[in-house]
Amino acid sequence: MKVSKQGRVALAHHEGVRKKPYLDSILLWTTGVGHLIAPLEHQKMTLDQRKAAKAAGQLACPAEWNRVLTDDEVISILEADLVRFERGVARLCPASLTQGRFDALTSFAFNAGLGGLQKSSIRQCHNRSDFDGAANSFLKYRIAGGVVQKGLIVRRNDERAMYLSGE
């Protein structure tokens, strides 16, 4: 199964499209449509450690990514990222996948990671065929960096609606 055109539009809307690298809300280097480029050593740090590293000027963008991406590069990177998340969703939530459910689960996994989906109550409910419970569970995941994020509230409501859309 593949993310639909509508799902891709929603994903790009919520992730944003950035051609230059930026630090996301938890201080990890990102580019394109939510493509994580942070070195592994940065990913292993706590948020407080990344804050300290940034303050000390030690949280530099990886040199090979410190440039402006072309439109074609942004699309190519997104396509490659989506393949991994689509496969992960199909593996972690194999049953009863409508297009809307698949799009919503893939959007969540793209944002929270496949490990985040694997541990989530969304997945637990979905795999028990508790689809209302799964839909409502999206709303629990609205915190990043220890803070409730308005953007995540909007995103999770949109993912919930997509999951329930039945398409």
Foldseek 3Di string as FASTA:
>chain_A
DAQDPVLVVLQCVLQPAAQAWDQPPLGFTAHQRRHTDRPPVLVPDHSVVSVVCVVVVNRDGPPVRHDGHDPVVSVVSVVVLRVVLLVLCCVLQVPDDDSLQSSLSSSVCSVCNSVCSNPFVLSVCSNVVVLLSNLVSLQVPQDDPNDRDPSSNVSSPVSSCSSPVRD
